[in-house]
Amino acid sequence: MQQATSNKQQGNDGKVTSFTQLEAWKTGHKTVLDIYMITKKFPKDEIFGLTSQMRRCAVSITSNIAEGFGRFSYKEKVQFYAISRGSITELQNQLLIAKDIGYISKLEFDKIAGKTIETHKMVQGLIKSSQRRISGKS
């Protein structure tokens, strides 16, 4: 597996050869790291509640991008990218809950919410691109 910190490691023809090169994955990965840091500060009685749920949800975002990238059919790619998009929306809801109950500040919320919006847009781009290939409109 290639490291997430590697520079553009594209093939000779300029094609993306690893999921770690996808901007959606890169942004999602930063979000995962932020979620882990933020949830470290949550109360210990939340370890099996919101902390666990937010971490699993964040990891699901990048895991489904990676799995979609590894699929051969564009229909399957769309399916996994759509799951990733759903996980982003779920995480956005959990972030609102964390903010509203005082586990994160508005500043922390705004920062991470912005990353989720950016990731959502990029994943939507992967979905649309794959759907165009399905319909033959490359």
N, C-alpha and C. Protein backbone atom coordinates (compact mmCIF):
# COMPACT_ATOMS: atom_id res chain seq x y z
N MET A 1 0.84 -1.18 0.00
CA MET A 1 0.00 0.00 0.00
C MET A 1 0.88 1.24 0.00
N GLN A 2 0.47 2.26 -0.72
CA GLN A 2 1.24 3.49 -0.77
C GLN A 2 0.87 4.36 0.42
N GLN A 3 1.80 5.16 0.87
CA GLN A 3 1.57 6.02 2.02
C GLN A 3 0.68 7.19 1.64
N ALA A 4 -0.14 7.61 2.60
CA ALA A 4 -1.04 8.73 2.38
C ALA A 4 -0.30 10.03 2.13
N THR A 5 0.92 10.12 2.61
CA THR A 5 1.67 11.37 2.48
C THR A 5 2.46 11.45 1.18
N SER A 6 2.37 10.42 0.36
CA SER A 6 3.16 10.43 -0.87
C SER A 6 2.64 11.49 -1.84
N ASN A 7 3.55 12.02 -2.61
CA ASN A 7 3.17 12.98 -3.63
C ASN A 7 2.52 12.24 -4.78
N LYS A 8 2.06 12.95 -5.75
CA LYS A 8 1.32 12.36 -6.86
C LYS A 8 2.09 11.19 -7.47
N GLN A 9 1.71 10.01 -7.07
CA GLN A 9 2.36 8.80 -7.56
C GLN A 9 1.49 8.19 -8.66
N GLN A 10 1.36 8.90 -9.73
CA GLN A 10 0.55 8.44 -10.83
C GLN A 10 1.38 7.61 -11.78
N GLY A 11 0.68 6.79 -12.53
CA GLY A 11 1.36 5.99 -13.54
C GLY A 11 1.92 6.88 -14.63
N ASN A 12 2.67 6.30 -15.54
CA ASN A 12 3.28 7.07 -16.62
C ASN A 12 2.26 7.78 -17.49
N ASP A 13 1.04 7.24 -17.54
CA ASP A 13 0.00 7.85 -18.38
C ASP A 13 -0.83 8.89 -17.63
N GLY A 14 -0.43 9.23 -16.39
CA GLY A 14 -1.13 10.26 -15.63
C GLY A 14 -2.36 9.76 -14.88
N LYS A 15 -2.65 8.47 -14.96
CA LYS A 15 -3.83 7.93 -14.29
C LYS A 15 -3.55 7.71 -12.80
N VAL A 16 -4.59 7.84 -12.03
CA VAL A 16 -4.51 7.56 -10.61
C VAL A 16 -4.37 6.05 -10.43
N THR A 17 -3.35 5.65 -9.67
CA THR A 17 -3.08 4.22 -9.51
C THR A 17 -3.37 3.71 -8.10
N SER A 18 -3.70 4.62 -7.18
CA SER A 18 -4.00 4.24 -5.80
C SER A 18 -5.09 5.13 -5.25
N PHE A 19 -5.93 4.56 -4.39
CA PHE A 19 -6.98 5.35 -3.76
C PHE A 19 -6.40 6.50 -2.95
N THR A 20 -5.16 6.38 -2.48
CA THR A 20 -4.55 7.44 -1.68
C THR A 20 -4.25 8.69 -2.50
N GLN A 21 -4.36 8.59 -3.82
CA GLN A 21 -4.16 9.74 -4.69
C GLN A 21 -5.44 10.53 -4.91
N LEU A 22 -6.57 9.95 -4.56
CA LEU A 22 -7.86 10.63 -4.74
C LEU A 22 -7.98 11.78 -3.74
N GLU A 23 -8.31 12.96 -4.24
CA GLU A 23 -8.48 14.12 -3.35
C GLU A 23 -9.58 13.87 -2.33
N ALA A 24 -10.62 13.16 -2.71
CA ALA A 24 -11.70 12.85 -1.77
C ALA A 24 -11.18 12.01 -0.61
N TRP A 25 -10.31 11.05 -0.92
CA TRP A 25 -9.73 10.21 0.14
C TRP A 25 -8.81 11.04 1.03
N LYS A 26 -7.99 11.90 0.42
CA LYS A 26 -7.05 12.72 1.19
C LYS A 26 -7.79 13.62 2.18
N THR A 27 -8.83 14.28 1.70
CA THR A 27 -9.60 15.17 2.57
C THR A 27 -10.34 14.36 3.63
N GLY A 28 -10.89 13.22 3.22
CA GLY A 28 -11.56 12.35 4.17
C GLY A 28 -10.61 11.84 5.24
N HIS A 29 -9.39 11.52 4.85
CA HIS A 29 -8.39 11.03 5.80
C HIS A 29 -8.06 12.09 6.85
N LYS A 30 -7.93 13.33 6.41
CA LYS A 30 -7.70 14.42 7.36
C LYS A 30 -8.87 14.54 8.33
N THR A 31 -10.07 14.32 7.82
CA THR A 31 -11.26 14.36 8.66
C THR A 31 -11.22 13.25 9.71
N VAL A 32 -10.83 12.05 9.30
CA VAL A 32 -10.71 10.92 10.24
C VAL A 32 -9.74 11.29 11.36
N LEU A 33 -8.59 11.82 11.00
CA LEU A 33 -7.59 12.18 12.01
C LEU A 33 -8.13 13.25 12.96
N ASP A 34 -8.85 14.23 12.42
CA ASP A 34 -9.46 15.27 13.25
C ASP A 34 -10.50 14.68 14.21
N ILE A 35 -11.30 13.77 13.71
CA ILE A 35 -12.33 13.15 14.55
C ILE A 35 -11.69 12.38 15.70
N TYR A 36 -10.63 11.67 15.43
CA TYR A 36 -9.94 10.95 16.51
C TYR A 36 -9.41 11.92 17.56
N MET A 37 -8.85 13.03 17.12
CA MET A 37 -8.31 14.02 18.07
C MET A 37 -9.44 14.68 18.87
N ILE A 38 -10.51 15.04 18.20
CA ILE A 38 -11.63 15.70 18.87
C ILE A 38 -12.28 14.77 19.89
N THR A 39 -12.50 13.52 19.50
CA THR A 39 -13.22 12.60 20.39
C THR A 39 -12.37 12.14 21.57
N LYS A 40 -11.06 12.35 21.51
CA LYS A 40 -10.20 12.04 22.67
C LYS A 40 -10.62 12.87 23.88
N LYS A 41 -11.19 14.04 23.62
CA LYS A 41 -11.59 14.96 24.69
C LYS A 41 -13.00 14.69 25.21
N PHE A 42 -13.73 13.80 24.58
CA PHE A 42 -15.09 13.50 25.02
C PHE A 42 -15.05 12.79 26.38
N PRO A 43 -16.14 12.91 27.13
CA PRO A 43 -16.20 12.21 28.43
C PRO A 43 -16.00 10.70 28.26
N LYS A 44 -15.38 10.09 29.24
CA LYS A 44 -15.10 8.64 29.17
C LYS A 44 -16.37 7.82 29.06
N ASP A 45 -17.48 8.32 29.61
CA ASP A 45 -18.73 7.55 29.52
C ASP A 45 -19.31 7.55 28.11
N GLU A 46 -18.70 8.28 27.20
CA GLU A 46 -19.13 8.29 25.79
C GLU A 46 -18.31 7.34 24.92
N ILE A 47 -17.35 6.64 25.51
CA ILE A 47 -16.44 5.80 24.72
C ILE A 47 -17.20 4.77 23.88
N PHE A 48 -18.30 4.24 24.40
CA PHE A 48 -19.08 3.26 23.64
C PHE A 48 -20.31 3.90 23.00
N GLY A 49 -20.40 5.20 23.12
CA GLY A 49 -21.52 5.93 22.55
C GLY A 49 -21.08 6.79 21.38
N LEU A 50 -21.17 8.08 21.56
CA LEU A 50 -20.89 9.03 20.48
C LEU A 50 -19.43 8.93 19.99
N THR A 51 -18.49 8.72 20.88
CA THR A 51 -17.08 8.61 20.48
C THR A 51 -16.89 7.48 19.48
N SER A 52 -17.37 6.30 19.85
CA SER A 52 -17.24 5.13 18.99
C SER A 52 -17.99 5.32 17.68
N GLN A 53 -19.20 5.85 17.77
CA GLN A 53 -20.02 6.04 16.58
C GLN A 53 -19.36 7.00 15.60
N MET A 54 -18.83 8.11 16.10
CA MET A 54 -18.20 9.11 15.23
C MET A 54 -16.93 8.56 14.59
N ARG A 55 -16.16 7.82 15.35
CA ARG A 55 -14.93 7.25 14.81
C ARG A 55 -15.22 6.22 13.73
N ARG A 56 -16.18 5.33 13.99
CA ARG A 56 -16.53 4.32 12.99
C ARG A 56 -17.10 4.96 11.73
N CYS A 57 -17.88 5.99 11.92
CA CYS A 57 -18.48 6.70 10.79
C CYS A 57 -17.41 7.38 9.95
N ALA A 58 -16.47 8.05 10.60
CA ALA A 58 -15.39 8.74 9.87
C ALA A 58 -14.53 7.74 9.10
N VAL A 59 -14.20 6.63 9.74
CA VAL A 59 -13.38 5.60 9.07
C VAL A 59 -14.14 5.02 7.88
N SER A 60 -15.45 4.92 8.00
CA SER A 60 -16.28 4.40 6.91
C SER A 60 -16.19 5.26 5.65
N ILE A 61 -16.01 6.56 5.85
CA ILE A 61 -15.92 7.47 4.71
C ILE A 61 -14.75 7.07 3.80
N THR A 62 -13.56 6.98 4.38
CA THR A 62 -12.38 6.68 3.57
C THR A 62 -12.32 5.20 3.17
N SER A 63 -12.84 4.34 4.02
CA SER A 63 -12.84 2.91 3.70
C SER A 63 -13.69 2.62 2.47
N ASN A 64 -14.83 3.29 2.36
CA ASN A 64 -15.70 3.07 1.20
C ASN A 64 -15.17 3.73 -0.06
N ILE A 65 -14.46 4.84 0.10
CA ILE A 65 -13.79 5.43 -1.06
C ILE A 65 -12.74 4.44 -1.58
N ALA A 66 -11.96 3.88 -0.66
CA ALA A 66 -10.92 2.92 -1.04
C ALA A 66 -11.55 1.69 -1.69
N GLU A 67 -12.61 1.17 -1.10
CA GLU A 67 -13.23 -0.03 -1.66
C GLU A 67 -13.84 0.26 -3.03
N GLY A 68 -14.46 1.41 -3.18
CA GLY A 68 -15.02 1.78 -4.48
C GLY A 68 -13.94 1.89 -5.53
N PHE A 69 -12.81 2.50 -5.15
CA PHE A 69 -11.69 2.63 -6.09
C PHE A 69 -11.23 1.26 -6.56
N GLY A 70 -11.25 0.28 -5.67
CA GLY A 70 -10.77 -1.06 -6.00
C GLY A 70 -11.73 -1.91 -6.82
N ARG A 71 -12.93 -1.45 -6.99
CA ARG A 71 -13.92 -2.21 -7.77
C ARG A 71 -13.70 -1.99 -9.26
N PHE A 72 -14.06 -3.01 -10.04
CA PHE A 72 -13.84 -2.94 -11.48
C PHE A 72 -15.02 -2.33 -12.23
N SER A 73 -16.22 -2.57 -11.77
CA SER A 73 -17.37 -2.01 -12.50
C SER A 73 -17.72 -0.64 -11.92
N TYR A 74 -18.14 0.26 -12.79
CA TYR A 74 -18.51 1.60 -12.34
C TYR A 74 -19.77 1.57 -11.51
N LYS A 75 -20.64 0.60 -11.76
CA LYS A 75 -21.84 0.46 -10.95
C LYS A 75 -21.47 0.17 -9.49
N GLU A 76 -20.50 -0.71 -9.29
CA GLU A 76 -20.04 -1.01 -7.94
C GLU A 76 -19.34 0.19 -7.32
N LYS A 77 -18.56 0.91 -8.11
CA LYS A 77 -17.88 2.10 -7.61
C LYS A 77 -18.91 3.09 -7.07
N VAL A 78 -19.98 3.33 -7.85
CA VAL A 78 -21.03 4.25 -7.43
C VAL A 78 -21.63 3.80 -6.10
N GLN A 79 -21.86 2.50 -5.96
CA GLN A 79 -22.45 1.96 -4.74
C GLN A 79 -21.58 2.30 -3.52
N PHE A 80 -20.29 2.06 -3.60
CA PHE A 80 -19.41 2.32 -2.46
C PHE A 80 -19.20 3.81 -2.23
N TYR A 81 -19.11 4.59 -3.29
CA TYR A 81 -18.98 6.03 -3.12
C TYR A 81 -20.25 6.61 -2.48
N ALA A 82 -21.40 6.05 -2.83
CA ALA A 82 -22.67 6.50 -2.23
C ALA A 82 -22.72 6.16 -0.73
N ILE A 83 -22.19 5.01 -0.36
CA ILE A 83 -22.12 4.65 1.06
C ILE A 83 -21.22 5.65 1.79
N SER A 84 -20.11 6.00 1.16
CA SER A 84 -19.21 6.99 1.74
C SER A 84 -19.93 8.32 1.94
N ARG A 85 -20.68 8.74 0.94
CA ARG A 85 -21.44 9.99 1.03
C ARG A 85 -22.43 9.93 2.18
N GLY A 86 -23.08 8.79 2.36
CA GLY A 86 -24.01 8.62 3.47
C GLY A 86 -23.31 8.71 4.81
N SER A 87 -22.11 8.15 4.90
CA SER A 87 -21.34 8.22 6.15
C SER A 87 -20.94 9.66 6.46
N ILE A 88 -20.67 10.44 5.44
CA ILE A 88 -20.34 11.86 5.64
C ILE A 88 -21.54 12.58 6.25
N THR A 89 -22.71 12.34 5.69
CA THR A 89 -23.93 12.98 6.19
C THR A 89 -24.21 12.55 7.62
N GLU A 90 -24.01 11.26 7.91
CA GLU A 90 -24.20 10.75 9.26
C GLU A 90 -23.23 11.44 10.23
N LEU A 91 -21.97 11.60 9.82
CA LEU A 91 -20.99 12.26 10.66
C LEU A 91 -21.38 13.73 10.89
N GLN A 92 -21.91 14.38 9.89
CA GLN A 92 -22.35 15.77 10.05
C GLN A 92 -23.42 15.86 11.14
N ASN A 93 -24.33 14.91 11.16
CA ASN A 93 -25.36 14.87 12.20
C ASN A 93 -24.73 14.67 13.58
N GLN A 94 -23.79 13.76 13.68
CA GLN A 94 -23.13 13.48 14.95
C GLN A 94 -22.32 14.68 15.43
N LEU A 95 -21.73 15.42 14.51
CA LEU A 95 -21.00 16.63 14.88
C LEU A 95 -21.95 17.69 15.46
N LEU A 96 -23.13 17.81 14.87
CA LEU A 96 -24.14 18.74 15.41
C LEU A 96 -24.52 18.35 16.83
N ILE A 97 -24.70 17.06 17.05
CA ILE A 97 -25.03 16.58 18.40
C ILE A 97 -23.91 16.92 19.36
N ALA A 98 -22.66 16.63 18.96
CA ALA A 98 -21.51 16.90 19.82
C ALA A 98 -21.41 18.38 20.16
N LYS A 99 -21.69 19.23 19.18
CA LYS A 99 -21.66 20.68 19.43
C LYS A 99 -22.79 21.09 20.37
N ASP A 100 -23.98 20.59 20.09
CA ASP A 100 -25.15 21.01 20.87
C ASP A 100 -25.11 20.54 22.33
N ILE A 101 -24.41 19.46 22.61
CA ILE A 101 -24.31 19.02 24.01
C ILE A 101 -23.02 19.50 24.68
N GLY A 102 -22.25 20.29 23.94
CA GLY A 102 -21.10 20.95 24.53
C GLY A 102 -19.80 20.16 24.52
N TYR A 103 -19.72 19.10 23.70
CA TYR A 103 -18.48 18.32 23.62
C TYR A 103 -17.45 18.98 22.73
N ILE A 104 -17.90 19.77 21.76
CA ILE A 104 -16.97 20.51 20.90
C ILE A 104 -17.45 21.97 20.82
N SER A 105 -16.51 22.85 20.61
CA SER A 105 -16.84 24.28 20.49
C SER A 105 -17.38 24.58 19.10
N LYS A 106 -17.96 25.75 18.96
CA LYS A 106 -18.45 26.16 17.64
C LYS A 106 -17.29 26.27 16.66
N LEU A 107 -16.14 26.73 17.12
CA LEU A 107 -14.97 26.85 16.27
C LEU A 107 -14.51 25.48 15.76
N GLU A 108 -14.44 24.49 16.68
CA GLU A 108 -14.08 23.13 16.28
C GLU A 108 -15.11 22.57 15.29
N PHE A 109 -16.37 22.81 15.61
CA PHE A 109 -17.44 22.34 14.74
C PHE A 109 -17.31 22.93 13.35
N ASP A 110 -17.13 24.25 13.28
CA ASP A 110 -17.04 24.92 11.97
C ASP A 110 -15.89 24.36 11.14
N LYS A 111 -14.77 24.13 11.77
CA LYS A 111 -13.58 23.62 11.07
C LYS A 111 -13.84 22.23 10.49
N ILE A 112 -14.30 21.32 11.32
CA ILE A 112 -14.51 19.94 10.86
C ILE A 112 -15.72 19.85 9.94
N ALA A 113 -16.75 20.63 10.19
CA ALA A 113 -17.93 20.62 9.32
C ALA A 113 -17.54 21.08 7.91
N GLY A 114 -16.65 22.06 7.84
CA GLY A 114 -16.17 22.52 6.54
C GLY A 114 -15.46 21.42 5.77
N LYS A 115 -14.67 20.62 6.49
CA LYS A 115 -13.99 19.49 5.83
C LYS A 115 -14.99 18.44 5.36
N THR A 116 -16.04 18.22 6.14
CA THR A 116 -17.03 17.23 5.70
C THR A 116 -17.77 17.71 4.46
N ILE A 117 -18.04 18.99 4.38
CA ILE A 117 -18.70 19.55 3.19
C ILE A 117 -17.80 19.40 1.97
N GLU A 118 -16.53 19.72 2.15
CA GLU A 118 -15.56 19.59 1.05
C GLU A 118 -15.46 18.13 0.59
N THR A 119 -15.38 17.21 1.55
CA THR A 119 -15.29 15.79 1.21
C THR A 119 -16.56 15.32 0.51
N HIS A 120 -17.70 15.77 0.99
CA HIS A 120 -18.99 15.41 0.37
C HIS A 120 -19.01 15.82 -1.10
N LYS A 121 -18.56 17.03 -1.39
CA LYS A 121 -18.53 17.51 -2.78
C LYS A 121 -17.61 16.65 -3.64
N MET A 122 -16.46 16.28 -3.09
CA MET A 122 -15.51 15.46 -3.85
C MET A 122 -16.06 14.05 -4.10
N VAL A 123 -16.69 13.47 -3.11
CA VAL A 123 -17.29 12.14 -3.27
C VAL A 123 -18.42 12.22 -4.28
N GLN A 124 -19.20 13.28 -4.24
CA GLN A 124 -20.26 13.46 -5.23
C GLN A 124 -19.66 13.53 -6.63
N GLY A 125 -18.51 14.15 -6.76
CA GLY A 125 -17.82 14.19 -8.06
C GLY A 125 -17.41 12.80 -8.52
N LEU A 126 -16.93 11.95 -7.59
CA LEU A 126 -16.59 10.57 -7.95
C LEU A 126 -17.83 9.81 -8.43
N ILE A 127 -18.94 10.05 -7.75
CA ILE A 127 -20.20 9.39 -8.13
C ILE A 127 -20.61 9.82 -9.53
N LYS A 128 -20.63 11.12 -9.76
CA LYS A 128 -21.06 11.63 -11.07
C LYS A 128 -20.15 11.15 -12.19
N SER A 129 -18.85 11.16 -11.94
CA SER A 129 -17.90 10.69 -12.94
C SER A 129 -18.14 9.22 -13.28
N SER A 130 -18.35 8.41 -12.25
CA SER A 130 -18.61 6.99 -12.47
C SER A 130 -19.94 6.77 -13.18
N GLN A 131 -20.95 7.56 -12.83
CA GLN A 131 -22.26 7.44 -13.48
C GLN A 131 -22.16 7.81 -14.96
N ARG A 132 -21.35 8.82 -15.28
CA ARG A 132 -21.16 9.20 -16.69
C ARG A 132 -20.53 8.05 -17.47
N ARG A 133 -19.61 7.36 -16.85
CA ARG A 133 -18.97 6.22 -17.51
C ARG A 133 -19.95 5.08 -17.72
N ILE A 134 -20.87 4.91 -16.78
CA ILE A 134 -21.90 3.88 -16.91
C ILE A 134 -22.78 4.18 -18.11
N SER A 135 -23.15 5.46 -18.25
CA SER A 135 -24.03 5.84 -19.34
C SER A 135 -23.31 6.08 -20.65
N GLY A 136 -21.97 5.96 -20.62
CA GLY A 136 -21.18 6.13 -21.85
C GLY A 136 -20.93 7.56 -22.23
N LYS A 137 -21.07 8.49 -21.28
CA LYS A 137 -20.87 9.91 -21.57
C LYS A 137 -19.52 10.41 -21.10
N SER A 138 -18.55 9.53 -20.96
CA SER A 138 -17.21 9.86 -20.45
C SER A 138 -16.97 11.30 -20.59
